[in-house]
């Protein structure tokens, strides 16, 4: 399993304009083969900080996602929404269990 976690930043006043595209990105990504979950959350203390949490079956699924039309649309709109400070880390997970 592959887990990605991290953050992006966009001005809080751009978030409402970005929501429709983010909604499509999240909904369509969660339908992709190999996607276990794909979620974005707004930080409670910092309105412009978006926390990203993803889990994938394998790296091939991640690579396929990066070429998906809904991901490309989001990536290409990044400048419009002034997305900055992309900090993502990818982890290879050999096992997991509930806490």
N, C-alpha and C. Protein backbone atom coordinates (compact mmCIF):
# COMPACT_ATOMS: atom_id res chain seq x y z
N UNK A 1 0.85 -1.17 0.00
CA UNK A 1 0.00 0.00 0.00
C UNK A 1 0.89 1.24 0.00
N UNK A 2 0.42 2.25 -0.68
CA UNK A 2 1.11 3.54 -0.74
C UNK A 2 0.23 4.57 -0.02
N UNK A 3 0.83 5.33 0.88
CA UNK A 3 0.13 6.40 1.59
C UNK A 3 0.84 7.71 1.29
N UNK A 4 0.07 8.71 0.93
CA UNK A 4 0.60 10.05 0.73
C UNK A 4 -0.07 10.97 1.74
N UNK A 5 0.73 11.79 2.40
CA UNK A 5 0.19 12.79 3.30
C UNK A 5 0.92 14.10 3.05
N UNK A 6 0.26 15.18 3.36
CA UNK A 6 0.92 16.46 3.20
C UNK A 6 -0.06 17.61 3.20
N UNK A 7 0.41 18.72 2.69
CA UNK A 7 -0.39 19.94 2.69
C UNK A 7 -0.15 20.74 1.41
N UNK A 8 -1.10 21.57 1.11
CA UNK A 8 -0.95 22.66 0.14
C UNK A 8 -1.51 23.90 0.80
N UNK A 9 -1.17 25.03 0.25
CA UNK A 9 -1.68 26.28 0.80
C UNK A 9 -2.32 27.09 -0.34
N UNK A 10 -3.46 27.69 -0.02
CA UNK A 10 -4.05 28.65 -0.93
C UNK A 10 -4.73 29.72 -0.09
N UNK A 11 -4.82 30.93 -0.63
CA UNK A 11 -5.45 31.99 0.14
C UNK A 11 -6.87 31.59 0.54
N UNK A 12 -7.23 31.84 1.78
CA UNK A 12 -8.55 31.45 2.28
C UNK A 12 -9.67 32.05 1.43
N UNK A 13 -9.44 33.23 0.87
CA UNK A 13 -10.48 33.87 0.07
C UNK A 13 -10.63 33.22 -1.31
N UNK A 14 -9.74 32.30 -1.68
CA UNK A 14 -9.83 31.57 -2.95
C UNK A 14 -10.49 30.20 -2.76
N UNK A 15 -10.66 29.79 -1.53
CA UNK A 15 -11.16 28.44 -1.27
C UNK A 15 -12.55 28.21 -1.83
N UNK A 16 -13.46 29.15 -1.66
CA UNK A 16 -14.82 28.96 -2.18
C UNK A 16 -14.82 28.80 -3.70
N UNK A 17 -13.98 29.55 -4.38
CA UNK A 17 -13.89 29.42 -5.84
C UNK A 17 -13.28 28.08 -6.25
N UNK A 18 -12.38 27.55 -5.43
CA UNK A 18 -11.72 26.29 -5.75
C UNK A 18 -12.58 25.06 -5.42
N UNK A 19 -13.56 25.23 -4.54
CA UNK A 19 -14.35 24.07 -4.07
C UNK A 19 -14.97 23.22 -5.17
N UNK A 20 -15.61 23.80 -6.20
CA UNK A 20 -16.20 22.94 -7.23
C UNK A 20 -15.17 22.05 -7.93
N UNK A 21 -14.02 22.60 -8.22
CA UNK A 21 -12.97 21.80 -8.86
C UNK A 21 -12.41 20.76 -7.90
N UNK A 22 -12.24 21.15 -6.64
CA UNK A 22 -11.78 20.19 -5.63
C UNK A 22 -12.80 19.07 -5.42
N UNK A 23 -14.07 19.42 -5.42
CA UNK A 23 -15.13 18.41 -5.27
C UNK A 23 -15.04 17.38 -6.39
N UNK A 24 -14.91 17.85 -7.61
CA UNK A 24 -14.77 16.94 -8.75
C UNK A 24 -13.52 16.09 -8.62
N UNK A 25 -12.40 16.73 -8.27
CA UNK A 25 -11.14 16.00 -8.10
C UNK A 25 -11.30 14.87 -7.08
N UNK A 26 -11.85 15.18 -5.94
CA UNK A 26 -11.98 14.20 -4.85
C UNK A 26 -12.96 13.09 -5.23
N UNK A 27 -14.11 13.46 -5.76
CA UNK A 27 -15.10 12.44 -6.13
C UNK A 27 -14.59 11.52 -7.23
N UNK A 28 -13.99 12.08 -8.25
CA UNK A 28 -13.50 11.26 -9.37
C UNK A 28 -12.29 10.43 -8.96
N UNK A 29 -11.43 10.97 -8.14
CA UNK A 29 -10.26 10.22 -7.69
C UNK A 29 -10.68 9.02 -6.86
N UNK A 30 -11.66 9.20 -6.00
CA UNK A 30 -12.13 8.08 -5.17
C UNK A 30 -12.74 6.95 -5.99
N UNK A 31 -13.07 7.19 -7.25
CA UNK A 31 -13.59 6.15 -8.15
C UNK A 31 -12.47 5.42 -8.91
N UNK A 32 -11.26 5.95 -8.85
CA UNK A 32 -10.16 5.38 -9.63
C UNK A 32 -9.77 3.98 -9.12
N UNK A 33 -9.39 3.14 -10.08
CA UNK A 33 -8.88 1.82 -9.73
C UNK A 33 -7.61 1.99 -8.90
N UNK A 34 -7.57 1.34 -7.76
CA UNK A 34 -6.39 1.41 -6.90
C UNK A 34 -6.43 2.49 -5.84
N UNK A 35 -7.43 3.38 -5.88
CA UNK A 35 -7.56 4.40 -4.84
C UNK A 35 -8.30 3.80 -3.65
N UNK A 36 -7.65 3.80 -2.50
CA UNK A 36 -8.29 3.32 -1.28
C UNK A 36 -9.04 4.46 -0.58
N UNK A 37 -8.45 5.64 -0.58
CA UNK A 37 -9.14 6.86 -0.16
C UNK A 37 -8.33 8.06 -0.60
N UNK A 38 -9.05 9.18 -0.77
CA UNK A 38 -8.45 10.43 -1.23
C UNK A 38 -9.24 11.55 -0.58
N UNK A 39 -8.61 12.27 0.35
CA UNK A 39 -9.33 13.27 1.13
C UNK A 39 -8.52 14.56 1.28
N UNK A 40 -9.23 15.66 1.28
CA UNK A 40 -8.64 16.96 1.57
C UNK A 40 -9.41 17.51 2.78
N UNK A 41 -8.71 18.19 3.67
CA UNK A 41 -9.36 18.83 4.81
C UNK A 41 -8.75 20.19 5.07
N UNK A 42 -9.57 21.10 5.53
CA UNK A 42 -9.11 22.44 5.86
C UNK A 42 -8.62 22.44 7.31
N UNK A 43 -7.43 22.94 7.53
CA UNK A 43 -6.87 23.00 8.88
C UNK A 43 -7.76 23.87 9.78
N UNK A 44 -7.98 23.42 10.98
CA UNK A 44 -8.86 24.12 11.92
C UNK A 44 -8.30 25.48 12.33
N UNK A 45 -6.99 25.59 12.45
CA UNK A 45 -6.37 26.83 12.93
C UNK A 45 -5.83 27.73 11.82
N UNK A 46 -5.72 27.19 10.61
CA UNK A 46 -5.13 27.95 9.50
C UNK A 46 -5.99 27.72 8.26
N UNK A 47 -6.91 28.65 8.00
CA UNK A 47 -7.92 28.48 6.94
C UNK A 47 -7.33 28.24 5.55
N UNK A 48 -6.13 28.69 5.29
CA UNK A 48 -5.54 28.52 3.98
C UNK A 48 -4.71 27.26 3.82
N UNK A 49 -4.62 26.47 4.88
CA UNK A 49 -3.82 25.24 4.84
C UNK A 49 -4.75 24.05 4.59
N UNK A 50 -4.50 23.33 3.51
CA UNK A 50 -5.31 22.16 3.14
C UNK A 50 -4.47 20.91 3.41
N UNK A 51 -5.02 20.02 4.21
CA UNK A 51 -4.34 18.78 4.57
C UNK A 51 -4.81 17.68 3.63
N UNK A 52 -3.86 16.98 3.03
CA UNK A 52 -4.15 15.94 2.05
C UNK A 52 -3.80 14.58 2.63
N UNK A 53 -4.70 13.63 2.43
CA UNK A 53 -4.49 12.26 2.90
C UNK A 53 -4.96 11.31 1.80
N UNK A 54 -4.06 10.45 1.34
CA UNK A 54 -4.37 9.53 0.26
C UNK A 54 -3.82 8.15 0.59
N UNK A 55 -4.50 7.12 0.10
CA UNK A 55 -3.97 5.76 0.17
C UNK A 55 -4.28 5.07 -1.15
N UNK A 56 -3.28 4.34 -1.65
CA UNK A 56 -3.36 3.70 -2.95
C UNK A 56 -2.90 2.25 -2.85
N UNK A 57 -3.41 1.43 -3.73
CA UNK A 57 -3.03 0.02 -3.78
C UNK A 57 -1.53 -0.13 -4.06
N UNK A 58 -1.01 0.68 -5.02
CA UNK A 58 0.39 0.57 -5.41
C UNK A 58 0.81 1.82 -6.18
N UNK A 59 2.09 1.88 -6.52
CA UNK A 59 2.62 3.07 -7.21
C UNK A 59 2.06 3.21 -8.62
N UNK A 60 1.72 2.11 -9.27
CA UNK A 60 1.11 2.20 -10.60
C UNK A 60 -0.21 2.97 -10.53
N UNK A 61 -0.99 2.75 -9.48
CA UNK A 61 -2.25 3.47 -9.32
C UNK A 61 -2.00 4.96 -9.10
N UNK A 62 -0.96 5.29 -8.35
CA UNK A 62 -0.61 6.71 -8.13
C UNK A 62 -0.21 7.34 -9.46
N UNK A 63 0.62 6.65 -10.23
CA UNK A 63 1.04 7.18 -11.54
C UNK A 63 -0.15 7.40 -12.46
N UNK A 64 -1.07 6.45 -12.48
CA UNK A 64 -2.27 6.59 -13.32
C UNK A 64 -3.08 7.81 -12.89
N UNK A 65 -3.18 8.02 -11.58
CA UNK A 65 -3.91 9.19 -11.06
C UNK A 65 -3.30 10.49 -11.56
N UNK A 66 -1.99 10.56 -11.60
CA UNK A 66 -1.33 11.80 -12.02
C UNK A 66 -1.60 12.14 -13.48
N UNK A 67 -2.08 11.18 -14.25
CA UNK A 67 -2.44 11.44 -15.64
C UNK A 67 -3.94 11.54 -15.88
N UNK A 68 -4.73 11.42 -14.82
CA UNK A 68 -6.19 11.46 -14.95
C UNK A 68 -6.66 12.88 -15.28
N UNK A 69 -7.68 13.00 -16.13
CA UNK A 69 -8.16 14.33 -16.53
C UNK A 69 -8.54 15.23 -15.36
N UNK A 70 -9.18 14.69 -14.34
CA UNK A 70 -9.59 15.52 -13.19
C UNK A 70 -8.39 15.99 -12.38
N UNK A 71 -7.31 15.19 -12.33
CA UNK A 71 -6.10 15.65 -11.65
C UNK A 71 -5.40 16.73 -12.48
N UNK A 72 -5.31 16.52 -13.77
CA UNK A 72 -4.67 17.50 -14.66
C UNK A 72 -5.42 18.83 -14.61
N UNK A 73 -6.75 18.79 -14.57
CA UNK A 73 -7.54 20.03 -14.47
C UNK A 73 -7.21 20.77 -13.19
N UNK A 74 -7.09 20.04 -12.07
CA UNK A 74 -6.75 20.68 -10.79
C UNK A 74 -5.33 21.24 -10.85
N UNK A 75 -4.39 20.46 -11.33
CA UNK A 75 -3.00 20.91 -11.41
C UNK A 75 -2.89 22.17 -12.26
N UNK A 76 -3.57 22.17 -13.40
CA UNK A 76 -3.50 23.32 -14.30
C UNK A 76 -4.17 24.56 -13.72
N UNK A 77 -5.12 24.39 -12.81
CA UNK A 77 -5.82 25.52 -12.20
C UNK A 77 -5.07 26.05 -10.98
N UNK A 78 -3.99 25.41 -10.59
CA UNK A 78 -3.26 25.80 -9.39
C UNK A 78 -2.87 27.26 -9.36
N UNK A 79 -2.40 27.80 -10.47
CA UNK A 79 -2.00 29.21 -10.50
C UNK A 79 -3.21 30.12 -10.31
N UNK A 80 -4.35 29.74 -10.87
CA UNK A 80 -5.58 30.54 -10.73
C UNK A 80 -5.96 30.69 -9.27
N UNK A 81 -5.80 29.60 -8.51
CA UNK A 81 -6.18 29.62 -7.10
C UNK A 81 -5.00 29.93 -6.19
N UNK A 82 -3.87 30.26 -6.77
CA UNK A 82 -2.66 30.66 -6.03
C UNK A 82 -2.20 29.57 -5.05
N UNK A 83 -2.23 28.31 -5.52
CA UNK A 83 -1.77 27.19 -4.71
C UNK A 83 -0.25 27.29 -4.55
N UNK A 84 0.22 27.19 -3.32
CA UNK A 84 1.65 27.25 -3.02
C UNK A 84 1.99 26.22 -1.96
N UNK A 85 3.25 26.15 -1.63
CA UNK A 85 3.76 25.35 -0.50
C UNK A 85 3.28 23.91 -0.53
N UNK A 86 3.36 23.29 -1.69
CA UNK A 86 2.98 21.88 -1.81
C UNK A 86 4.02 21.05 -1.09
N UNK A 87 3.60 20.34 -0.06
CA UNK A 87 4.48 19.48 0.74
C UNK A 87 3.82 18.11 0.85
N UNK A 88 4.23 17.18 0.02
CA UNK A 88 3.65 15.83 0.06
C UNK A 88 4.75 14.81 0.26
N UNK A 89 4.46 13.80 1.05
CA UNK A 89 5.40 12.71 1.30
C UNK A 89 4.71 11.41 0.97
N UNK A 90 5.42 10.53 0.28
CA UNK A 90 4.89 9.23 -0.08
C UNK A 90 5.55 8.16 0.80
N UNK A 91 4.72 7.25 1.29
CA UNK A 91 5.20 6.18 2.17
C UNK A 91 4.78 4.83 1.59
N UNK A 92 5.67 3.86 1.64
CA UNK A 92 5.33 2.48 1.31
C UNK A 92 5.01 1.80 2.64
N UNK A 93 3.80 1.27 2.74
CA UNK A 93 3.33 0.67 3.98
C UNK A 93 3.21 -0.84 3.79
N UNK A 94 3.86 -1.59 4.65
CA UNK A 94 3.81 -3.05 4.51
C UNK A 94 2.68 -3.68 5.31
N UNK A 95 2.18 -2.98 6.33
CA UNK A 95 1.04 -3.49 7.09
C UNK A 95 0.35 -2.33 7.78
N UNK A 96 -0.88 -2.59 8.18
CA UNK A 96 -1.62 -1.58 8.94
C UNK A 96 -2.63 -2.30 9.83
N UNK A 97 -3.08 -1.60 10.86
CA UNK A 97 -4.10 -2.13 11.77
C UNK A 97 -4.79 -0.96 12.44
N UNK A 98 -6.04 -1.16 12.87
CA UNK A 98 -6.75 -0.08 13.57
C UNK A 98 -6.06 0.27 14.87
N UNK A 99 -6.13 1.50 15.25
CA UNK A 99 -5.54 1.96 16.50
C UNK A 99 -6.49 1.70 17.64
